[in-house]
Amino acid sequence: MSDPTWISVLPPVLAILLAIWTRQVYLSLAGGLWFAWTIIAGWNPLSGLGHAIDGAVNVFGEAGDARVIMFTLVIGALIATVEASGGVRGFVNLLERNRWVDSAKKSQLLAWATGILIFIESNITVLVAGSVSRPLFDRYKCSREKLAYIIDSTSAPICILIPMNAWGAYNLGILESLGVENALGVFLQSIMYNFYAFVAVILVLVVILTGLDIGPMKKAEERTRSGELLWPDATPMIDEDVLSPPPLEGVEPRARNMFFPIAAMVLFMPVGLYLTGSSAVANLGADMTLQAILAEGSGSTSVLWSVMFGLAVAWVMLKAQGIFTIEQLVKVGLKGAGALVPLALILLLALALGDVIQELGTGQYVAQVTAGTMPNFIYLPLVFLVSGGIAFSTGTSWGTFAIMLPIAVPAAATLGLPLAPFVAASLAGGIFGDHCSPISDTTIISSMAAATDHIDHVRTQLPYALTGGAIATICFALLGATL
């Protein structure tokens, strides 16, 4: 639509309302997608449905979008392979064998450090950190609520700061589908402005080092020190198969089966950027610097190559150890890929919705309406808080990114403001709301990994999350004042 009107705002609003009402991100994204195409089709709902289906199919026609969807499935295969190989269990055994933790504070620091180092994917971050630290927390009388808070605050906030994982690939895919020039560069710039993620991680460290226990967390710590592991009416969310998936029968747990595949994936990322960047600048002369070549590299291609390289390293190692057959490796990989099909579906709908919202000109309309009506220091906090509200209501940061980025990015472009701060505010808000939400999958899995009552985890974490949100809001306002 060449001249966007207020009608262009209706599809994302519908997606938001459906998300709040149904708490189903799939239905919400699909509803917004159908409604947007219905508007374009002259308000014909049947024609809109047909166009919506075609719009979803056309996502695969964009090479960058198809790569990101493939990445989601391959990362699932890698996670499953690492677990089945005994890599996670071996890492846990290594820590326990060396007795690097001998106090309550060190057990908390271990949980914090593990959450930062295992950044491959938020759920495996939570599960690994919980499996490593839970016995030590019980031994040194630290509350399981504190463990759940620590691992929850070093999962999504860390993953959003790393471009070479599923989170980075997902958001790169959205940015590239929006036509953002040098999407990887914009995403990398946004990392330094993701105030909530930094505050969340640093605040946890401050709490550990100073013993800053406030509100319900203070009561939980006092209870645990008195000898009560949980509140009398608590129902711990624990599932041994989810917390510590056993290696395949006969497989010896070895830390290197986790370390080398993940290291290979991370280290191959700049190689992929160099290879794709070299191809892109091949006709521009031989004087291009390394930085310029990396900047021209394809983020979606590089992350796909990286995770496939990590999976290949894992397969070669396990086959060389003589304990896995090719058939077993394929079966494990397919099972892992199947586990992340729901995320791939979210990605597909998100990219399709982003495409049609861009065609409607929603972001441009919002910018035109608000231009000159608000000072610059209002825009970024507003984007942050709206994103937080959506994520809190839906329990999903990824769905929030899909709704907010197609609005915030064009709005920033129309206002003539840099894109990176608006991308950061959208992403930070999604993490903030997800961190506070009791229906967030990461929050639920954190309760499971810590073997604590879910509501107790939400109650004890909320004061810290709200503190971080307030600090981030102020930081975005100060940043907006400088634009």
Protein backbone atom coordinates (compact mmCIF):
# COMPACT_ATOMS: atom_id res chain seq x y z
CA MET A 1 0.00 0.00 0.00
CA SER A 2 1.65 3.20 -1.20
CA ASP A 3 -0.25 5.49 1.16
CA PRO A 4 -0.64 3.72 4.52
CA THR A 5 -3.56 4.69 6.78
CA TRP A 6 -4.71 3.71 10.26
CA ILE A 7 -6.02 0.47 8.78
CA SER A 8 -2.42 -0.71 8.38
CA VAL A 9 -2.14 -0.89 12.18
CA LEU A 10 -5.04 -3.35 12.54
CA PRO A 11 -3.22 -6.63 11.65
CA PRO A 12 -0.50 -6.33 14.32
CA VAL A 13 -3.12 -5.09 16.81
CA LEU A 14 -5.21 -8.17 16.06
CA ALA A 15 -2.17 -10.37 16.53
CA ILE A 16 -1.51 -8.73 19.91
CA LEU A 17 -5.14 -9.05 21.07
CA LEU A 18 -5.32 -12.68 19.96
CA ALA A 19 -2.08 -13.39 21.78
CA ILE A 20 -3.37 -11.85 25.01
CA TRP A 21 -6.74 -13.58 24.71
CA THR A 22 -5.67 -17.05 23.56
CA ARG A 23 -2.02 -17.10 24.66
CA GLN A 24 -1.37 -19.03 21.45
CA VAL A 25 1.38 -17.45 19.37
CA TYR A 26 0.65 -19.64 16.33
CA LEU A 27 -3.00 -18.58 16.16
CA SER A 28 -2.06 -14.96 16.80
CA LEU A 29 0.53 -14.74 14.04
CA ALA A 30 -1.70 -16.65 11.61
CA GLY A 31 -4.66 -14.41 12.44
CA GLY A 32 -2.64 -11.26 11.86
CA LEU A 33 -1.29 -12.67 8.60
CA TRP A 34 -4.77 -13.56 7.32
CA PHE A 35 -6.24 -10.19 8.32
CA ALA A 36 -3.43 -8.24 6.65
CA TRP A 37 -3.93 -10.07 3.36
CA THR A 38 -7.71 -9.68 3.68
CA ILE A 39 -7.22 -5.90 3.77
CA ILE A 40 -4.98 -6.02 0.71
CA ALA A 41 -7.52 -8.27 -1.07
CA GLY A 42 -10.24 -5.62 -0.75
CA TRP A 43 -11.68 -7.07 2.48
CA ASN A 44 -12.45 -10.41 0.87
CA PRO A 45 -11.73 -12.97 3.63
CA LEU A 46 -11.55 -16.01 1.35
CA SER A 47 -9.19 -14.25 -1.04
CA GLY A 48 -7.21 -13.06 1.96
CA LEU A 49 -6.89 -16.65 3.19
CA GLY A 50 -5.53 -17.76 -0.17
CA HIS A 51 -3.04 -14.90 -0.29
CA ALA A 52 -1.99 -15.63 3.31
CA ILE A 53 -1.19 -19.24 2.41
CA ASP A 54 0.75 -18.04 -0.63
CA GLY A 55 2.55 -15.51 1.56
CA ALA A 56 3.69 -18.28 3.90
CA VAL A 57 4.82 -20.40 0.94
CA ASN A 58 6.71 -17.45 -0.55
CA VAL A 59 8.86 -17.27 2.56
CA PHE A 60 10.73 -20.29 1.21
CA GLY A 61 11.35 -18.35 -2.00
CA GLU A 62 13.68 -16.01 -0.11
CA ALA A 63 17.04 -17.71 0.30
CA GLY A 64 17.82 -15.95 3.57
CA ASP A 65 14.48 -16.93 5.11
CA ALA A 66 14.86 -20.57 4.01
CA ARG A 67 18.36 -20.70 5.52
CA VAL A 68 17.13 -19.50 8.91
CA ILE A 69 14.34 -22.10 8.98
CA MET A 70 16.90 -24.79 8.08
CA PHE A 71 19.16 -23.48 10.84
CA THR A 72 16.39 -23.95 13.39
CA LEU A 73 16.04 -27.62 12.47
CA VAL A 74 19.79 -28.30 12.34
CA ILE A 75 20.38 -26.71 15.75
CA GLY A 76 17.76 -29.09 17.13
CA ALA A 77 19.72 -32.00 15.65
CA LEU A 78 22.95 -30.70 17.20
CA ILE A 79 21.40 -30.30 20.67
CA ALA A 80 19.95 -33.82 20.59
CA THR A 81 23.27 -35.29 19.38
CA VAL A 82 25.24 -33.57 22.15
CA GLU A 83 22.81 -34.86 24.77
CA ALA A 84 22.75 -38.44 23.41
CA SER A 85 26.56 -38.50 23.24
CA GLY A 86 26.87 -37.90 26.96
CA GLY A 87 28.53 -34.54 26.39
CA VAL A 88 26.36 -32.65 28.86
CA ARG A 89 26.66 -35.36 31.52
CA GLY A 90 30.43 -35.48 30.99
CA PHE A 91 30.69 -31.72 31.51
CA VAL A 92 28.81 -32.03 34.80
CA ASN A 93 31.05 -34.89 35.94
CA LEU A 94 34.16 -32.87 35.11
CA LEU A 95 33.07 -30.02 37.36
CA GLU A 96 32.17 -32.30 40.23
CA ARG A 97 35.33 -34.38 39.93
CA ASN A 98 37.61 -31.33 40.27
CA ARG A 99 35.66 -29.95 43.25
CA TRP A 100 35.82 -26.39 42.01
CA VAL A 101 32.89 -25.43 44.25
CA ASP A 102 33.10 -25.58 48.04
CA SER A 103 30.76 -22.83 49.29
CA ALA A 104 27.30 -21.36 48.76
CA LYS A 105 28.65 -18.32 46.92
CA LYS A 106 30.81 -20.45 44.60
CA SER A 107 27.85 -22.67 43.77
CA GLN A 108 25.92 -19.57 42.71
CA LEU A 109 28.88 -18.28 40.70
CA LEU A 110 29.10 -21.66 38.98
CA ALA A 111 25.42 -21.46 37.96
CA TRP A 112 25.99 -17.90 36.66
CA ALA A 113 29.14 -18.82 34.71
CA THR A 114 27.59 -21.98 33.25
CA GLY A 115 24.60 -19.98 32.04
CA ILE A 116 26.94 -17.58 30.25
CA LEU A 117 29.24 -20.19 28.71
CA ILE A 118 26.53 -22.53 27.38
CA PHE A 119 24.87 -19.99 25.08
CA ILE A 120 23.94 -22.36 22.25
CA GLU A 121 20.20 -22.18 23.01
CA SER A 122 18.20 -20.84 25.96
CA ASN A 123 16.55 -24.09 27.04
CA ILE A 124 19.73 -26.17 26.95
CA THR A 125 21.47 -23.32 28.82
CA VAL A 126 18.88 -23.59 31.59
CA LEU A 127 18.97 -27.39 31.71
CA VAL A 128 22.76 -27.65 31.79
CA ALA A 129 23.15 -24.94 34.44
CA GLY A 130 20.38 -26.48 36.55
CA SER A 131 21.79 -30.00 36.29
CA VAL A 132 25.29 -28.82 37.23
CA SER A 133 24.31 -26.58 40.12
CA ARG A 134 21.22 -28.08 41.79
CA PRO A 135 23.05 -30.67 43.92
CA LEU A 136 25.55 -28.04 45.03
CA PHE A 137 22.79 -25.58 45.96
CA ASP A 138 21.15 -28.24 48.12
CA ARG A 139 24.47 -29.17 49.73
CA TYR A 140 25.35 -25.58 50.69
CA LYS A 141 21.78 -24.57 51.61
CA CYS A 142 21.03 -22.10 48.82
CA SER A 143 17.38 -21.89 47.83
CA ARG A 144 16.25 -23.53 44.65
CA GLU A 145 14.34 -20.33 43.91
CA LYS A 146 17.71 -18.54 43.80
CA LEU A 147 18.99 -21.18 41.38
CA ALA A 148 15.94 -20.75 39.14
CA TYR A 149 16.45 -16.96 39.13
CA ILE A 150 20.14 -17.26 38.26
CA ILE A 151 19.70 -19.70 35.37
CA ASP A 152 16.64 -17.88 34.03
CA SER A 153 18.55 -14.59 34.01
CA THR A 154 21.54 -16.06 32.17
CA SER A 155 19.63 -17.89 29.46
CA ALA A 156 17.56 -15.64 27.18
CA PRO A 157 19.48 -12.46 28.20
CA ILE A 158 22.74 -14.13 27.14
CA CYS A 159 21.34 -15.82 24.03
CA ILE A 160 20.00 -12.53 22.65
CA LEU A 161 23.51 -11.04 22.83
CA ILE A 162 25.08 -13.81 20.72
CA PRO A 163 24.63 -13.60 16.93
CA MET A 164 25.75 -17.19 16.20
CA ASN A 165 22.86 -19.12 17.72
CA ALA A 166 19.17 -19.72 17.03
CA TRP A 167 18.20 -16.35 18.52
CA GLY A 168 20.65 -14.46 16.33
CA ALA A 169 19.64 -16.34 13.21
CA TYR A 170 15.94 -15.79 13.92
CA ASN A 171 16.30 -12.03 14.31
CA LEU A 172 18.71 -11.76 11.38
CA GLY A 173 16.08 -13.49 9.27
CA ILE A 174 13.42 -10.97 10.28
CA LEU A 175 15.74 -8.01 9.65
CA GLU A 176 16.78 -9.34 6.25
CA SER A 177 13.14 -9.96 5.30
CA LEU A 178 12.44 -6.31 6.17
CA GLY A 179 15.03 -5.24 3.61
CA VAL A 180 17.48 -3.91 6.19
CA GLU A 181 20.79 -3.20 4.50
CA ASN A 182 23.66 -5.01 6.26
CA ALA A 183 21.29 -6.75 8.67
CA LEU A 184 24.17 -8.42 10.51
CA GLY A 185 25.86 -5.07 11.08
CA VAL A 186 22.65 -3.55 12.45
CA PHE A 187 22.11 -6.53 14.73
CA LEU A 188 25.69 -6.35 16.03
CA GLN A 189 25.27 -2.62 16.72
CA SER A 190 22.00 -3.29 18.57
CA ILE A 191 23.77 -5.62 21.00
CA MET A 192 25.53 -2.71 22.73
CA TYR A 193 22.13 -1.02 23.27
CA ASN A 194 20.34 -4.09 24.66
CA PHE A 195 20.24 -2.58 28.13
CA TYR A 196 17.87 -5.06 29.76
CA ALA A 197 19.97 -8.08 28.80
CA PHE A 198 23.13 -6.51 30.22
CA VAL A 199 21.37 -5.28 33.36
CA ALA A 200 19.77 -8.70 33.99
CA VAL A 201 23.10 -10.53 33.77
CA ILE A 202 25.01 -7.96 35.84
CA LEU A 203 22.25 -7.69 38.45
CA VAL A 204 22.44 -11.44 39.05
CA LEU A 205 26.19 -11.18 39.65
CA VAL A 206 25.62 -8.30 42.10
CA VAL A 207 23.01 -10.36 43.95
CA ILE A 208 25.44 -13.29 44.20
CA LEU A 209 28.43 -11.24 45.36
CA THR A 210 26.53 -9.06 47.86
CA GLY A 211 23.81 -11.46 49.01
CA LEU A 212 21.18 -8.92 47.98
CA ASP A 213 18.07 -10.97 48.76
CA ILE A 214 14.86 -8.93 48.66
CA GLY A 215 11.18 -9.67 49.18
CA PRO A 216 10.13 -13.30 48.62
CA MET A 217 13.70 -14.30 47.74
CA LYS A 218 14.91 -13.31 51.20
CA LYS A 219 12.25 -15.50 52.82
CA ALA A 220 13.16 -18.41 50.54
CA GLU A 221 16.84 -18.11 51.50
CA GLU A 222 15.99 -17.99 55.22
CA ARG A 223 13.78 -21.08 54.84
CA THR A 224 16.52 -23.02 53.07
CA ARG A 225 19.16 -22.11 55.65
CA SER A 226 16.82 -23.41 58.35
CA GLY A 227 16.77 -26.80 56.64
CA GLU A 228 13.55 -26.67 54.58
CA LEU A 229 14.27 -27.32 50.91
CA LEU A 230 10.85 -26.09 49.72
CA TRP A 231 7.75 -24.48 51.17
CA PRO A 232 5.34 -27.05 52.68
CA ASP A 233 2.70 -26.48 49.99
CA ALA A 234 5.19 -26.27 47.10
CA THR A 235 4.96 -28.58 44.09
CA PRO A 236 8.38 -28.86 42.44
CA MET A 237 8.36 -29.00 38.65
CA ILE A 238 10.77 -31.82 38.03
CA ASP A 239 11.05 -34.35 35.25
CA GLU A 240 14.27 -36.34 35.29
CA ASP A 241 14.06 -37.12 31.57
CA VAL A 242 13.87 -33.41 30.74
CA LEU A 243 16.42 -32.28 33.32
CA SER A 244 19.13 -34.81 32.52
CA PRO A 245 18.50 -36.75 29.33
CA PRO A 246 20.53 -39.97 29.63
CA PRO A 247 23.15 -40.78 27.02
CA LEU A 248 22.47 -43.75 24.79
CA GLU A 249 23.13 -47.09 26.43
CA GLY A 250 26.81 -47.94 26.53
CA VAL A 251 27.95 -44.34 25.89
CA GLU A 252 30.54 -43.03 28.33
CA PRO A 253 29.84 -39.40 29.33
CA ARG A 254 32.66 -37.24 27.98
CA ALA A 255 32.87 -33.46 28.26
CA ARG A 256 34.68 -33.19 24.95
CA ASN A 257 31.58 -34.50 23.15
CA MET A 258 29.90 -31.22 24.10
CA PHE A 259 32.89 -28.89 24.04
CA PHE A 260 34.33 -29.59 20.59
CA PRO A 261 31.07 -29.44 18.55
CA ILE A 262 30.01 -26.19 20.22
CA ALA A 263 33.51 -24.69 19.86
CA ALA A 264 33.55 -25.72 16.19
CA MET A 265 30.20 -24.03 15.62
CA VAL A 266 31.28 -20.78 17.27
CA LEU A 267 34.70 -20.62 15.62
CA PHE A 268 33.34 -21.34 12.15
CA MET A 269 31.08 -18.28 12.25
CA PRO A 270 33.80 -15.74 11.27
CA VAL A 271 35.04 -18.21 8.65
CA GLY A 272 31.58 -18.26 7.10
CA LEU A 273 31.41 -14.48 7.15
CA TYR A 274 34.80 -14.26 5.47
CA LEU A 275 33.90 -16.76 2.74
CA THR A 276 30.54 -15.14 1.93
CA GLY A 277 31.99 -11.65 2.27
CA SER A 278 34.89 -12.44 -0.08
CA SER A 279 32.42 -13.63 -2.70
CA ALA A 280 30.33 -10.47 -2.31
CA VAL A 281 33.28 -8.09 -2.81
CA ALA A 282 35.11 -10.13 -5.44
CA ASN A 283 34.33 -7.56 -8.13
CA LEU A 284 35.17 -4.52 -5.99
CA GLY A 285 38.96 -4.82 -6.12
CA ALA A 286 41.64 -6.31 -3.90
CA ASP A 287 41.96 -3.45 -1.44
CA MET A 288 39.04 -4.45 0.78
CA THR A 289 39.99 -4.76 4.45
CA LEU A 290 39.19 -7.81 6.56
CA GLN A 291 36.61 -5.78 8.48
CA ALA A 292 34.90 -4.73 5.25
CA ILE A 293 34.85 -8.32 3.98
CA LEU A 294 33.30 -9.59 7.22
CA ALA A 295 30.73 -6.78 7.13
CA GLU A 296 29.67 -7.87 3.64
CA GLY A 297 29.28 -11.50 4.72
CA SER A 298 25.86 -13.15 4.88
CA GLY A 299 24.74 -13.67 8.47
CA SER A 300 22.04 -16.21 7.64
CA THR A 301 24.42 -18.25 5.48
CA SER A 302 27.22 -18.13 8.04
CA VAL A 303 25.12 -19.28 11.00
CA LEU A 304 23.69 -22.14 8.93
CA TRP A 305 27.15 -23.23 7.83
CA SER A 306 28.43 -22.90 11.40
CA VAL A 307 25.83 -25.13 13.02
CA MET A 308 26.11 -27.67 10.20
CA PHE A 309 29.88 -27.71 10.75
CA GLY A 310 29.33 -28.22 14.49
CA LEU A 311 26.96 -31.11 13.76
CA ALA A 312 29.45 -32.63 11.32
CA VAL A 313 32.22 -32.44 13.95
CA ALA A 314 29.94 -34.14 16.47
CA TRP A 315 29.09 -36.93 14.02
CA VAL A 316 32.73 -37.54 13.06
CA MET A 317 33.79 -37.66 16.73
CA LEU A 318 31.04 -40.05 17.73
CA LYS A 319 31.56 -42.31 14.75
CA ALA A 320 35.32 -42.38 15.45
CA GLN A 321 34.62 -43.42 19.05
CA GLY A 322 32.88 -46.49 17.65
CA ILE A 323 29.76 -46.24 19.81
CA PHE A 324 27.32 -44.74 17.28
CA THR A 325 26.29 -46.15 13.93
CA ILE A 326 25.29 -43.89 11.06
CA GLU A 327 21.71 -45.06 11.54
CA GLN A 328 21.75 -44.03 15.20
CA LEU A 329 23.22 -40.62 14.40
CA VAL A 330 20.57 -39.98 11.76
CA LYS A 331 17.79 -41.11 14.09
CA VAL A 332 18.99 -38.89 16.94
CA GLY A 333 19.44 -35.93 14.58
CA LEU A 334 15.95 -36.28 13.12
CA LYS A 335 14.45 -36.54 16.61
CA GLY A 336 16.20 -33.33 17.63
CA ALA A 337 15.14 -31.53 14.47
CA GLY A 338 11.56 -32.63 15.07
CA ALA A 339 11.67 -31.18 18.58
CA LEU A 340 12.26 -27.71 17.12
CA VAL A 341 9.60 -27.89 14.42
CA PRO A 342 7.31 -25.67 16.58
CA LEU A 343 9.99 -22.96 16.56
CA ALA A 344 10.38 -23.35 12.80
CA LEU A 345 6.62 -22.85 12.42
CA ILE A 346 6.75 -19.69 14.53
CA LEU A 347 9.58 -18.47 12.33
CA LEU A 348 7.66 -19.20 9.14
CA LEU A 349 4.57 -17.30 10.33
CA ALA A 350 6.71 -14.48 11.72
CA LEU A 351 8.54 -13.95 8.45
CA ALA A 352 5.30 -14.07 6.46
CA LEU A 353 3.63 -11.56 8.80
CA GLY A 354 6.67 -9.30 8.62
CA ASP A 355 6.51 -9.30 4.82
CA VAL A 356 2.85 -8.29 4.66
CA ILE A 357 3.13 -5.69 7.43
CA GLN A 358 5.93 -4.13 5.44
CA GLU A 359 3.72 -4.09 2.36
CA LEU A 360 0.92 -2.41 4.33
CA GLY A 361 3.36 0.27 5.53
CA THR A 362 2.42 -0.09 9.20
CA GLY A 363 5.72 1.20 10.51
CA GLN A 364 5.68 4.20 8.19
CA TYR A 365 2.15 5.10 9.28
CA VAL A 366 3.00 4.87 12.98
CA ALA A 367 6.04 7.08 12.40
CA GLN A 368 4.05 9.64 10.42
CA VAL A 369 1.39 9.89 13.13
CA THR A 370 3.87 10.26 15.96
CA ALA A 371 6.45 12.42 14.16
CA GLY A 372 6.66 15.79 15.82
CA THR A 373 4.18 14.80 18.54
CA MET A 374 6.70 13.27 20.93
CA PRO A 375 10.29 14.08 21.81
CA ASN A 376 12.87 11.53 20.73
CA PHE A 377 13.52 10.31 24.27
CA ILE A 378 9.98 8.85 24.39
CA TYR A 379 10.22 6.55 21.36
CA LEU A 380 12.74 4.00 22.61
CA PRO A 381 11.21 3.51 26.10
CA LEU A 382 7.80 3.21 24.44
CA VAL A 383 9.03 0.47 22.08
CA PHE A 384 10.70 -1.30 25.02
CA LEU A 385 7.62 -1.24 27.24
CA VAL A 386 5.17 -2.22 24.50
CA SER A 387 7.41 -5.15 23.57
CA GLY A 388 7.59 -6.10 27.24
CA GLY A 389 3.81 -6.03 27.58
CA ILE A 390 3.33 -8.27 24.54
CA ALA A 391 5.95 -10.77 25.72
CA PHE A 392 4.49 -10.86 29.23
CA SER A 393 1.00 -11.53 27.91
CA THR A 394 2.02 -14.18 25.40
CA GLY A 395 4.94 -15.82 27.19
CA THR A 396 7.07 -15.71 24.05
CA SER A 397 9.86 -13.34 23.16
CA TRP A 398 10.18 -14.72 19.63
CA GLY A 399 6.55 -13.96 18.81
CA THR A 400 7.08 -10.47 20.22
CA PHE A 401 10.09 -9.92 17.96
CA ALA A 402 7.93 -10.95 14.99
CA ILE A 403 5.29 -8.36 15.88
CA MET A 404 7.50 -5.45 16.96
CA LEU A 405 10.46 -5.49 14.55
CA PRO A 406 8.32 -4.99 11.39
CA ILE A 407 6.82 -1.92 13.11
CA ALA A 408 9.85 -0.44 14.85
CA VAL A 409 12.34 -0.76 11.98
CA PRO A 410 10.28 1.08 9.31
CA ALA A 411 9.23 3.64 11.91
CA ALA A 412 12.85 4.43 12.71
CA ALA A 413 13.67 4.70 9.00
CA THR A 414 10.77 7.08 8.38
CA LEU A 415 11.76 9.23 11.36
CA GLY A 416 15.31 9.39 10.03
CA LEU A 417 16.67 7.78 13.21
CA PRO A 418 19.29 4.99 13.43
CA LEU A 419 17.87 1.47 13.27
CA ALA A 420 20.07 -0.25 15.87
CA PRO A 421 18.57 1.42 18.98
CA PHE A 422 15.03 0.59 17.81
CA VAL A 423 16.02 -3.02 17.14
CA ALA A 424 17.61 -3.16 20.60
CA ALA A 425 14.51 -1.73 22.30
CA SER A 426 12.30 -4.30 20.55
CA LEU A 427 14.56 -7.21 21.50
CA ALA A 428 15.20 -6.00 25.05
CA GLY A 429 11.48 -5.54 25.66
CA GLY A 430 10.78 -9.05 24.44
CA ILE A 431 13.35 -10.47 26.87
CA PHE A 432 12.02 -8.34 29.75
CA GLY A 433 8.42 -9.44 29.28
CA ASP A 434 9.43 -13.05 28.76
CA HIS A 435 11.52 -12.89 31.94
CA CYS A 436 8.52 -11.72 33.97
CA SER A 437 5.89 -13.94 32.39
CA PRO A 438 4.65 -17.04 34.27
CA ILE A 439 3.65 -18.64 30.96
CA SER A 440 7.07 -18.25 29.33
CA ASP A 441 8.62 -21.58 28.33
CA THR A 442 12.02 -20.44 29.62
CA THR A 443 10.51 -19.49 32.98
CA ILE A 444 8.75 -22.85 33.21
CA ILE A 445 11.86 -24.83 32.25
CA SER A 446 13.92 -22.80 34.76
CA SER A 447 11.52 -23.96 37.48
CA MET A 448 11.91 -27.53 36.22
CA ALA A 449 15.70 -27.36 36.03
CA ALA A 450 15.88 -26.00 39.57
CA ALA A 451 13.25 -28.51 40.79
CA THR A 452 11.26 -25.77 42.48
CA ASP A 453 7.65 -24.65 42.53
CA HIS A 454 6.90 -22.60 39.44
CA ILE A 455 4.85 -19.88 41.13
CA ASP A 456 7.51 -19.54 43.83
CA HIS A 457 10.08 -18.97 41.07
CA VAL A 458 7.95 -16.27 39.45
CA ARG A 459 7.29 -14.51 42.77
CA THR A 460 10.94 -14.47 43.83
CA GLN A 461 12.26 -13.40 40.43
CA LEU A 462 9.76 -10.64 39.66
CA PRO A 463 11.25 -7.91 41.94
CA TYR A 464 14.64 -8.30 40.27
CA ALA A 465 13.16 -8.37 36.77
CA LEU A 466 11.12 -5.22 37.42
CA THR A 467 14.21 -3.50 38.80
CA GLY A 468 16.11 -4.39 35.64
CA GLY A 469 13.19 -3.21 33.51
CA ALA A 470 13.12 0.16 35.27
CA ILE A 471 16.85 0.66 34.77
CA ALA A 472 16.59 -0.31 31.11
CA THR A 473 13.69 2.11 30.57
CA ILE A 474 15.78 4.97 31.94
CA CYS A 475 18.74 3.96 29.77
CA PHE A 476 16.58 3.90 26.63
CA ALA A 477 15.20 7.33 27.49
CA LEU A 478 18.73 8.72 27.87
CA LEU A 479 19.81 7.09 24.61
CA GLY A 480 16.76 8.49 22.82
CA ALA A 481 17.62 11.98 24.02
CA THR A 482 20.96 11.74 22.18
CA LEU A 483 19.52 10.67 18.81
